[in-house]
Amino acid sequence: MNRSKAIALAEELYRALAVWDVPALNAVLHPRFQGVSTAGLPLGLGGSYDGPEAMMKGFWSKIGRNFDARAVPASFVMGDDGRLVVQGEYVGHARAQHGSGELRAALVHVIGFADDRIASLEQITDSQRWHEALRQPGEPR
C-alpha cells in the first residue's frame, strides 16, 4: 500500500473513533484485524484483541465509557515493511465518575494493512498517564 493511502486510512480511523462512527470503523478495519494495547493500562485495557468487534467492544468502547479523549496524530512514517508508524498524543480527560482528571499521553501506533484495510494496530503509550487521569481529586499519587 502506498503512503498516501495508508495515511488516509489511519486518519479515517482516528476520525471514526473521535465520533464513535461504528459503520466507518467496520469499513476501515479488516475482518481479521488484530489489536495490541499497552500492558499496564488501567481498567484491564492492556492486551490483545482478535477481530474488529473485540477491539471495539473490549477496548475502544471501554475507553469511551471512562474517558472523553481522542488520539491526535502528529506524524506518519511509512516503514520498509509496509506498516505505518503514527506518533502523536492522546488528549482529553477521565469522565466525571473518575474525577475528570486530564489525560495527555504520548502515543505511537504501528498500523499494518491488508486488502486496502487496517489489519493490525499496536498501541504504545504511557500507561501511567492513563492511571493518573483516573485519580479522584486529592487522591495521592
Protein backbone atom coordinates (compact mmCIF):
# COMPACT_ATOMS: atom_id res chain seq x y z
CA MET A 1 0.00 0.00 0.00
CA ASN A 2 1.30 3.44 -0.79
CA ARG A 3 1.95 6.03 1.90
CA SER A 4 -0.91 8.38 0.99
CA LYS A 5 -3.50 5.58 1.07
CA ALA A 6 -2.11 4.31 4.39
CA ILE A 7 -2.29 7.79 5.93
CA ALA A 8 -5.83 8.30 4.61
CA LEU A 9 -6.94 5.03 6.26
CA ALA A 10 -5.27 5.96 9.55
CA GLU A 11 -6.87 9.42 9.50
CA GLU A 12 -10.27 7.84 8.84
CA LEU A 13 -9.72 5.51 11.79
CA TYR A 14 -8.97 8.46 14.09
CA ARG A 15 -11.95 10.43 12.77
CA ALA A 16 -14.31 7.47 13.23
CA LEU A 17 -13.05 6.85 16.77
CA ALA A 18 -13.43 10.52 17.73
CA VAL A 19 -17.16 10.47 16.87
CA TRP A 20 -17.75 6.73 17.51
CA ASP A 21 -18.80 6.05 13.90
CA VAL A 22 -19.19 2.25 14.01
CA PRO A 23 -20.08 1.84 10.30
CA ALA A 24 -16.91 3.75 9.37
CA LEU A 25 -14.85 1.61 11.77
CA ASN A 26 -16.27 -1.54 10.20
CA ALA A 27 -15.40 -0.19 6.76
CA VAL A 28 -11.80 0.65 7.62
CA LEU A 29 -10.91 -2.41 9.75
CA HIS A 30 -10.02 -5.73 8.12
CA PRO A 31 -12.24 -8.66 9.21
CA ARG A 32 -9.14 -10.37 10.65
CA PHE A 33 -7.98 -7.23 12.47
CA GLN A 34 -5.56 -7.75 15.37
CA GLY A 35 -5.08 -5.12 18.07
CA VAL A 36 -2.46 -4.96 20.80
CA SER A 37 -2.62 -2.33 23.52
CA THR A 38 -0.04 -1.28 26.07
CA ALA A 39 0.40 -3.55 29.07
CA GLY A 40 -0.38 -1.86 32.37
CA LEU A 41 -3.24 0.32 31.15
CA PRO A 42 -5.99 0.82 33.74
CA LEU A 43 -9.38 -0.90 33.66
CA GLY A 44 -7.87 -4.09 32.23
CA LEU A 45 -7.38 -2.40 28.85
CA GLY A 46 -3.88 -3.73 28.14
CA GLY A 47 -3.60 -6.84 25.98
CA SER A 48 -4.53 -8.41 22.67
CA TYR A 49 -7.81 -8.12 20.78
CA ASP A 50 -8.72 -10.55 18.00
CA GLY A 51 -11.08 -9.06 15.44
CA PRO A 52 -12.70 -5.66 14.96
CA GLU A 53 -15.59 -6.42 17.32
CA ALA A 54 -13.25 -7.42 20.14
CA MET A 55 -11.27 -4.19 19.72
CA MET A 56 -14.39 -2.05 19.52
CA LYS A 57 -16.23 -3.63 22.45
CA GLY A 58 -13.32 -4.60 24.68
CA PHE A 59 -11.01 -1.65 24.15
CA TRP A 60 -12.29 1.44 22.32
CA SER A 61 -15.81 1.47 23.79
CA LYS A 62 -14.39 0.88 27.28
CA ILE A 63 -12.14 3.88 26.78
CA GLY A 64 -15.17 5.87 25.62
CA ARG A 65 -17.17 4.95 28.73
CA ASN A 66 -14.36 6.05 31.04
CA PHE A 67 -12.61 8.86 29.16
CA ASP A 68 -13.54 11.74 26.92
CA ALA A 69 -10.34 11.57 24.91
CA ARG A 70 -9.07 11.26 21.38
CA ALA A 71 -5.90 10.34 19.57
CA VAL A 72 -4.25 13.32 17.89
CA PRO A 73 -1.73 12.17 15.28
CA ALA A 74 1.27 14.43 14.67
CA SER A 75 3.45 12.47 12.24
CA PHE A 76 3.25 9.48 9.91
CA VAL A 77 6.23 7.40 8.80
CA MET A 78 5.90 4.52 6.35
CA GLY A 79 8.19 1.65 7.29
CA ASP A 80 10.07 -0.55 4.84
CA ASP A 81 7.79 -3.42 5.93
CA GLY A 82 4.67 -1.55 4.73
CA ARG A 83 3.45 -0.64 8.20
CA LEU A 84 2.65 2.93 9.13
CA VAL A 85 4.11 4.39 12.33
CA VAL A 86 1.98 7.16 13.78
CA GLN A 87 3.30 9.40 16.52
CA GLY A 88 1.04 11.74 18.45
CA GLU A 89 -0.79 12.25 21.71
CA TYR A 90 -3.96 11.23 23.50
CA VAL A 91 -5.76 14.35 24.70
CA GLY A 92 -8.81 14.58 26.95
CA HIS A 93 -9.92 13.72 30.46
CA ALA A 94 -11.43 10.97 32.55
CA ARG A 95 -15.20 11.05 32.76
CA ALA A 96 -16.82 12.54 35.89
CA GLN A 97 -17.25 9.21 37.70
CA HIS A 98 -13.44 9.13 37.86
CA GLY A 99 -12.84 12.73 38.92
CA SER A 100 -12.35 14.22 35.43
CA GLY A 101 -8.55 14.18 35.56
CA GLU A 102 -6.72 15.45 32.50
CA LEU A 103 -5.24 12.93 30.08
CA ARG A 104 -2.23 13.86 27.99
CA ALA A 105 -0.23 10.83 26.98
CA ALA A 106 2.20 10.28 24.15
CA LEU A 107 1.20 7.61 21.65
CA VAL A 108 2.80 5.53 18.95
CA HIS A 109 0.60 3.36 16.77
CA VAL A 110 2.10 0.82 14.41
CA ILE A 111 -0.56 0.07 11.82
CA GLY A 112 -0.50 -2.84 9.38
CA PHE A 113 -2.61 -3.24 6.25
CA ALA A 114 -4.20 -5.98 4.14
CA ASP A 115 -6.69 -5.77 1.28
CA ASP A 116 -6.77 -1.94 1.48
CA ARG A 117 -7.91 -2.00 5.10
CA ILE A 118 -6.31 -1.75 8.53
CA ALA A 119 -5.31 -5.27 9.58
CA SER A 120 -3.42 -4.53 12.78
CA LEU A 121 -2.70 -1.83 15.28
CA GLU A 122 -0.12 -1.95 18.03
CA GLN A 123 -0.52 0.81 20.60
CA ILE A 124 2.36 2.15 22.67
CA THR A 125 1.53 4.79 25.27
CA ASP A 126 2.44 5.99 28.75
CA SER A 127 0.10 3.85 30.87
CA GLN A 128 0.92 5.87 34.00
CA ARG A 129 -0.71 8.97 32.48
CA TRP A 130 -3.95 6.98 31.99
CA HIS A 131 -3.89 5.89 35.64
CA GLU A 132 -3.25 9.46 36.79
CA ALA A 133 -6.26 10.75 34.83
CA LEU A 134 -8.49 8.32 36.74
CA ARG A 135 -7.42 9.51 40.21
CA GLN A 136 -10.00 11.29 42.31
CA PRO A 137 -9.11 14.86 43.32
CA GLY A 138 -6.87 14.79 46.37
CA GLU A 139 -6.03 11.10 45.93
CA PRO A 140 -2.30 10.52 46.49
CA ARG A 141 -0.11 9.77 43.50
